[in-house]
């Protein structure tokens, strides 16, 4: 299967000043302003100290739940484990029917039919309160496979009912400066997300930021993924460290903000790995709202890839409901 570089979007061609070959991609990506690491980390630290009003706590906790991708990505996964994951996704707090559902369950491709079956009528658009099925693909987490295998992996997951595909980029190719190769692979995986009825699964492009070494590389990889047609850019597989950090997520949000200003197209962001407490998650909500706007705080534009986060959010939610709640457990009170 081959997708010609001329199939790139008009927006990408316009920004690049030509079709996305090695020359135009290198000129564009290396022409981006360098990242001021100190300034970026100071901005992130400042956003991380913002407080939230006491009356907003319940809203924030519920919002975080609706943005979580609940995940099981282990070699020992079984259909029974996936069914348990789906039950948790649908009823995060079994004792409280007012608790919202999470956005999605994320599984390996061969587990997609089990997730779809377990969700039943609740399988659908998380923006409407249903739960979608995300599948990792393209030889996750290493990405070390032939393009043919990556495309087959993607197409099989989509045919099985996956609503979202989380692909990994070839970090080795990116770090070697083979930008057209990475661009073309993203574009071809995007094409493999297309269904027979003309609709497409959403494509999340995992950069594995912890392996990219510099903020400049993260910025370039983010732009490359957006130019190639990614619907989301995602920090990490969760299998390497460091995973998601607030400065890295802020940088990626700035990229999608600038893309939106240039093209009018909205692209989502998904920090994944290492976000474990409600207090930390609130910092990300604030960063999103201050960088791209509150409009991005909905499932088709922002996600948390952090399954352990849910337990702490539920604990804080229960404390708030019963009155046995301390602001120190969560975030500074105005």
Protein backbone atom coordinates (compact mmCIF):
# COMPACT_ATOMS: atom_id res chain seq x y z
CA UNK A 1 0.00 0.00 0.00
CA UNK A 2 1.42 3.39 -0.96
CA UNK A 3 0.17 6.87 -0.21
CA UNK A 4 1.81 9.52 -2.38
CA UNK A 5 3.16 12.58 -0.64
CA UNK A 6 0.86 14.65 -2.86
CA UNK A 7 -2.04 13.31 -0.77
CA UNK A 8 -1.03 15.64 2.06
CA UNK A 9 -3.65 18.14 3.10
CA UNK A 10 -3.80 21.53 1.42
CA UNK A 11 -3.02 23.07 4.80
CA UNK A 12 0.21 21.07 5.08
CA UNK A 13 1.27 21.93 1.54
CA UNK A 14 0.52 25.62 2.13
CA UNK A 15 2.51 25.78 5.37
CA UNK A 16 5.42 23.80 3.96
CA UNK A 17 5.53 25.75 0.71
CA UNK A 18 5.39 22.54 -1.32
CA UNK A 19 4.76 18.81 -1.11
CA UNK A 20 6.15 17.18 2.06
CA UNK A 21 9.40 15.72 0.82
CA UNK A 22 12.60 15.60 2.83
CA UNK A 23 13.69 19.04 1.68
CA UNK A 24 10.49 20.92 2.51
CA UNK A 25 9.99 19.09 5.79
CA UNK A 26 13.55 19.73 6.96
CA UNK A 27 13.37 23.38 5.96
CA UNK A 28 10.08 23.87 7.78
CA UNK A 29 10.85 21.88 10.94
CA UNK A 30 14.33 23.32 11.39
CA UNK A 31 13.00 26.79 10.65
CA UNK A 32 10.68 26.70 13.65
CA UNK A 33 11.70 29.00 16.50
CA UNK A 34 13.81 27.18 19.06
CA UNK A 35 12.26 26.33 22.40
CA UNK A 36 13.36 28.44 25.37
CA UNK A 37 13.56 25.58 27.87
CA UNK A 38 13.79 27.85 30.91
CA UNK A 39 10.86 29.95 29.75
CA UNK A 40 8.75 26.88 28.95
CA UNK A 41 9.38 25.32 32.34
CA UNK A 42 8.66 28.60 34.10
CA UNK A 43 5.33 28.95 32.25
CA UNK A 44 4.42 25.39 33.16
CA UNK A 45 5.39 25.94 36.80
CA UNK A 46 3.30 29.08 36.94
CA UNK A 47 0.26 27.32 35.53
CA UNK A 48 0.85 24.48 37.96
CA UNK A 49 0.43 26.80 40.93
CA UNK A 50 -2.94 28.18 39.84
CA UNK A 51 -5.69 27.50 42.33
CA UNK A 52 -9.25 26.42 41.75
CA UNK A 53 -12.29 27.76 43.54
CA UNK A 54 -13.90 25.54 46.12
CA UNK A 55 -17.13 25.53 44.10
CA UNK A 56 -15.26 24.26 41.05
CA UNK A 57 -13.81 21.16 42.68
CA UNK A 58 -16.76 18.87 41.93
CA UNK A 59 -16.81 20.04 38.32
CA UNK A 60 -13.08 19.47 37.94
CA UNK A 61 -13.16 15.97 39.39
CA UNK A 62 -16.01 14.90 37.12
CA UNK A 63 -14.35 16.55 34.12
CA UNK A 64 -11.14 14.61 34.73
CA UNK A 65 -13.07 11.31 34.80
CA UNK A 66 -14.73 12.07 31.46
CA UNK A 67 -11.30 12.65 29.89
CA UNK A 68 -9.58 9.44 31.04
CA UNK A 69 -8.61 6.58 28.74
CA UNK A 70 -8.78 3.54 31.03
CA UNK A 71 -6.04 1.19 29.90
CA UNK A 72 -4.82 -2.38 30.09
CA UNK A 73 -1.80 -3.09 27.91
CA UNK A 74 -0.12 -6.17 29.33
CA UNK A 75 1.00 -9.43 27.80
CA UNK A 76 -1.20 -11.25 30.32
CA UNK A 77 -4.42 -9.46 29.30
CA UNK A 78 -7.43 -11.77 28.99
CA UNK A 79 -11.04 -11.28 27.84
CA UNK A 80 -12.05 -11.39 31.50
CA UNK A 81 -9.64 -8.60 32.40
CA UNK A 82 -11.00 -6.49 29.54
CA UNK A 83 -14.57 -7.08 30.72
CA UNK A 84 -13.55 -5.92 34.20
CA UNK A 85 -11.93 -2.84 32.68
CA UNK A 86 -15.11 -2.04 30.76
CA UNK A 87 -17.24 -2.47 33.90
CA UNK A 88 -14.98 0.07 35.66
CA UNK A 89 -15.21 2.42 32.68
CA UNK A 90 -19.00 2.35 32.70
CA UNK A 91 -19.40 2.59 36.49
CA UNK A 92 -16.21 4.09 37.96
CA UNK A 93 -17.87 4.40 41.37
CA UNK A 94 -20.29 1.50 41.68
CA UNK A 95 -21.84 3.10 44.76
CA UNK A 96 -22.62 6.42 43.06
CA UNK A 97 -24.78 6.38 39.92
CA UNK A 98 -24.08 10.10 39.36
CA UNK A 99 -20.41 9.38 38.67
CA UNK A 100 -19.70 9.94 34.96
CA UNK A 101 -18.14 7.40 32.63
CA UNK A 102 -14.59 7.59 31.37
CA UNK A 103 -13.91 8.53 27.75
CA UNK A 104 -12.49 5.27 26.45
CA UNK A 105 -10.96 1.91 27.16
CA UNK A 106 -7.59 1.33 25.53
CA UNK A 107 -6.47 -2.22 24.70
CA UNK A 108 -4.32 -4.22 22.33
CA UNK A 109 -5.87 -4.84 18.93
CA UNK A 110 -6.74 -8.48 19.56
CA UNK A 111 -8.78 -7.42 22.60
CA UNK A 112 -10.94 -4.94 20.66
CA UNK A 113 -13.80 -7.42 19.98
CA UNK A 114 -13.98 -8.23 23.70
CA UNK A 115 -14.13 -4.54 24.62
CA UNK A 116 -16.81 -3.83 22.00
CA UNK A 117 -18.92 -6.76 23.18
CA UNK A 118 -18.59 -5.79 26.84
CA UNK A 119 -19.63 -2.19 26.16
CA UNK A 120 -22.72 -3.20 24.21
CA UNK A 121 -25.11 -0.28 23.73
CA UNK A 122 -22.75 2.01 25.68
CA UNK A 123 -20.14 1.76 22.91
CA UNK A 124 -20.11 5.16 21.25
CA UNK A 125 -19.00 8.78 21.29
CA UNK A 126 -17.63 9.94 24.66
CA UNK A 127 -18.72 13.49 23.84
CA UNK A 128 -22.25 12.06 24.14
CA UNK A 129 -21.55 10.19 27.38
CA UNK A 130 -20.73 6.82 25.81
CA UNK A 131 -17.39 5.01 25.89
CA UNK A 132 -15.18 4.50 22.86
CA UNK A 133 -12.67 1.75 22.19
CA UNK A 134 -9.06 2.72 21.52
CA UNK A 135 -6.50 0.24 20.25
CA UNK A 136 -2.74 0.59 20.30
CA UNK A 137 -1.23 -0.36 16.97
CA UNK A 138 1.85 -0.14 14.72
CA UNK A 139 3.97 -2.52 16.84
CA UNK A 140 3.29 -0.66 20.08
CA UNK A 141 5.30 0.31 22.09
CA UNK A 142 8.57 0.03 20.13
CA UNK A 143 7.28 0.69 16.61
CA UNK A 144 9.90 -1.77 15.35
CA UNK A 145 8.05 -3.48 12.52
CA UNK A 146 7.65 -3.18 8.78
CA UNK A 147 5.17 -0.69 7.40
CA UNK A 148 3.05 -3.54 6.01
CA UNK A 149 2.68 -5.03 9.48
CA UNK A 150 1.85 -1.64 10.98
CA UNK A 151 -0.87 -1.03 8.40
CA UNK A 152 -2.32 -4.52 8.81
CA UNK A 153 -2.29 -4.07 12.60
CA UNK A 154 -4.23 -0.82 12.23
CA UNK A 155 -6.72 -2.07 9.67
CA UNK A 156 -7.52 -5.17 11.71
CA UNK A 157 -8.22 -3.12 14.84
CA UNK A 158 -10.48 -0.73 12.93
CA UNK A 159 -12.35 -3.62 11.29
CA UNK A 160 -12.87 -5.15 14.74
CA UNK A 161 -14.60 -2.01 15.97
CA UNK A 162 -11.88 0.30 17.29
CA UNK A 163 -12.95 3.95 17.31
CA UNK A 164 -9.44 5.26 17.94
CA UNK A 165 -5.96 4.11 16.98
CA UNK A 166 -2.95 5.01 19.11
CA UNK A 167 0.10 4.63 16.85
CA UNK A 168 3.77 5.10 17.70
CA UNK A 169 6.15 6.97 15.45
CA UNK A 170 9.48 5.51 14.37
CA UNK A 171 11.66 7.43 16.82
CA UNK A 172 14.84 6.12 15.26
CA UNK A 173 13.86 7.46 11.85
CA UNK A 174 12.86 10.80 13.35
CA UNK A 175 16.11 11.19 15.29
CA UNK A 176 18.03 10.30 12.13
CA UNK A 177 16.31 13.17 10.32
CA UNK A 178 14.23 10.93 8.05
CA UNK A 179 11.23 13.21 8.32
CA UNK A 180 9.52 12.20 5.08
CA UNK A 181 9.56 8.55 6.16
CA UNK A 182 7.89 9.42 9.46
CA UNK A 183 5.41 11.74 7.70
CA UNK A 184 4.48 9.08 5.15
CA UNK A 185 4.02 6.39 7.79
CA UNK A 186 1.65 8.60 9.78
CA UNK A 187 -0.26 9.48 6.61
CA UNK A 188 -0.55 5.83 5.60
CA UNK A 189 -1.71 4.73 9.04
CA UNK A 190 -4.26 7.54 8.87
CA UNK A 191 -5.47 6.09 5.57
CA UNK A 192 -5.67 2.63 7.16
CA UNK A 193 -8.03 4.10 9.79
CA UNK A 194 -10.66 4.59 7.11
CA UNK A 195 -13.70 2.30 7.23
CA UNK A 196 -15.69 0.86 4.34
CA UNK A 197 -18.54 3.31 5.02
CA UNK A 198 -16.24 6.30 4.50
CA UNK A 199 -15.84 7.20 8.18
CA UNK A 200 -12.51 6.95 9.98
CA UNK A 201 -11.20 5.99 13.36
CA UNK A 202 -9.46 8.85 15.14
CA UNK A 203 -5.67 8.69 14.99
CA UNK A 204 -3.53 9.49 18.05
CA UNK A 205 0.15 9.84 17.21
CA UNK A 206 2.44 8.84 20.10
CA UNK A 207 5.71 10.74 20.04
CA UNK A 208 7.36 8.98 23.00
CA UNK A 209 8.72 12.31 24.16
CA UNK A 210 11.04 10.75 26.72
CA UNK A 211 13.10 9.32 23.87
CA UNK A 212 13.27 12.53 21.82
CA UNK A 213 15.84 14.11 24.17
CA UNK A 214 15.13 17.83 23.60
CA UNK A 215 12.19 20.22 23.60
CA UNK A 216 13.14 21.26 20.06
CA UNK A 217 12.75 17.64 18.92
CA UNK A 218 9.40 17.35 20.70
CA UNK A 219 8.21 20.51 18.98
CA UNK A 220 9.35 19.27 15.57
CA UNK A 221 7.79 15.85 16.09
CA UNK A 222 4.52 17.48 17.17
CA UNK A 223 4.43 19.61 14.04
CA UNK A 224 5.33 16.62 11.87
CA UNK A 225 2.47 14.56 13.32
CA UNK A 226 -0.04 17.38 12.83
CA UNK A 227 1.12 18.09 9.29
CA UNK A 228 0.75 14.40 8.44
CA UNK A 229 -2.88 14.32 9.57
CA UNK A 230 -2.85 13.14 13.18
CA UNK A 231 -6.10 13.84 15.04
CA UNK A 232 -4.25 13.81 18.39
CA UNK A 233 -0.67 14.12 19.48
CA UNK A 234 0.17 11.98 22.51
CA UNK A 235 3.20 12.24 24.75
CA UNK A 236 4.04 8.67 25.60
CA UNK A 237 3.34 4.96 25.52
CA UNK A 238 3.55 4.84 29.30
CA UNK A 239 6.23 2.18 28.91
CA UNK A 240 9.25 4.51 29.15
CA UNK A 241 10.38 7.29 31.48
CA UNK A 242 10.05 10.19 31.54
CA UNK A 243 6.50 10.02 30.27
CA UNK A 244 4.05 12.94 30.44
CA UNK A 245 5.31 16.14 32.03
CA UNK A 246 3.57 19.49 32.33
CA UNK A 247 6.21 21.41 30.29
CA UNK A 248 6.09 18.85 27.47
CA UNK A 249 2.29 18.92 27.41
CA UNK A 250 2.32 22.73 27.42
CA UNK A 251 4.68 22.70 24.43
CA UNK A 252 2.40 20.32 22.52
CA UNK A 253 -0.64 22.44 23.37
CA UNK A 254 1.16 25.48 21.98
CA UNK A 255 1.73 23.56 18.73
CA UNK A 256 -1.95 22.64 18.31
CA UNK A 257 -2.90 26.23 19.22
CA UNK A 258 -0.65 27.58 16.48
CA UNK A 259 -1.92 24.97 14.01
CA UNK A 260 -5.51 26.00 14.79
CA UNK A 261 -4.68 29.67 14.28
CA UNK A 262 -3.05 28.88 10.94
CA UNK A 263 -5.62 26.42 9.58
CA UNK A 264 -8.81 26.48 11.64
CA UNK A 265 -8.38 22.75 12.36
CA UNK A 266 -8.53 21.45 15.91
CA UNK A 267 -6.09 18.74 17.00
CA UNK A 268 -6.23 16.98 20.35
CA UNK A 269 -3.52 16.39 22.94
CA UNK A 270 -3.11 13.37 25.21
CA UNK A 271 -0.57 13.35 28.05
CA UNK A 272 0.00 9.72 29.04
CA UNK A 273 1.99 8.08 31.79
CA UNK A 274 2.86 9.32 35.27
CA UNK A 275 -0.23 11.42 36.06
CA UNK A 276 -1.47 9.77 39.23
CA UNK A 277 -3.28 12.32 41.41
CA UNK A 278 -6.27 14.59 41.03
CA UNK A 279 -4.11 17.50 42.12
CA UNK A 280 -1.72 16.88 39.24
CA UNK A 281 -4.57 16.38 36.76
CA UNK A 282 -6.04 19.77 37.69
CA UNK A 283 -2.74 21.37 36.66
CA UNK A 284 -3.26 19.91 33.20
CA UNK A 285 -6.86 21.19 33.05
CA UNK A 286 -5.64 24.68 33.91
CA UNK A 287 -2.84 24.45 31.33
CA UNK A 288 -5.28 23.41 28.61
CA UNK A 289 -7.76 26.17 29.46
CA UNK A 290 -5.05 28.85 29.58
CA UNK A 291 -3.24 27.72 26.41
CA UNK A 292 -5.90 26.62 23.91
CA UNK A 293 -9.10 27.48 25.74
CA UNK A 294 -11.78 25.64 27.70
CA UNK A 295 -13.25 24.41 24.40
CA UNK A 296 -10.46 21.81 24.35
CA UNK A 297 -11.68 20.28 27.62
CA UNK A 298 -13.83 17.66 25.92
CA UNK A 299 -13.04 14.07 24.96
CA UNK A 300 -12.43 14.62 21.25
CA UNK A 301 -9.72 17.20 22.02
CA UNK A 302 -8.07 16.20 25.30
CA UNK A 303 -7.43 12.92 27.13
CA UNK A 304 -5.51 11.59 30.07
CA UNK A 305 -3.71 8.30 29.49
CA UNK A 306 -3.47 7.47 33.18
CA UNK A 307 -5.50 4.58 34.55
CA UNK A 308 -4.16 4.85 38.12
CA UNK A 309 -5.37 8.47 38.16
CA UNK A 310 -9.00 7.33 38.34
CA UNK A 311 -8.62 5.81 41.80
CA UNK A 312 -7.36 9.06 43.33
CA UNK A 313 -10.02 11.12 41.58
CA UNK A 314 -12.72 8.82 42.97
CA UNK A 315 -11.22 9.10 46.46
CA UNK A 316 -11.24 12.91 46.28
CA UNK A 317 -14.77 12.85 44.89
CA UNK A 318 -15.96 10.71 47.79
CA UNK A 319 -14.24 12.99 50.30
CA UNK A 320 -15.90 16.02 48.77
CA UNK A 321 -19.33 14.35 48.86
CA UNK A 322 -19.06 13.22 52.48
CA UNK A 323 -17.42 16.37 53.80
CA UNK A 324 -14.31 14.46 54.90
CA UNK A 325 -12.27 16.46 52.46
CA UNK A 326 -9.09 18.47 52.85
CA UNK A 327 -8.00 20.95 50.25
CA UNK A 328 -4.40 19.86 50.78
CA UNK A 329 -5.31 16.54 49.19
CA UNK A 330 -6.27 18.30 46.02
CA UNK A 331 -5.34 21.85 45.17
CA UNK A 332 -4.96 25.26 46.75
CA UNK A 333 -8.30 26.80 47.67
CA UNK A 334 -9.11 30.36 46.63
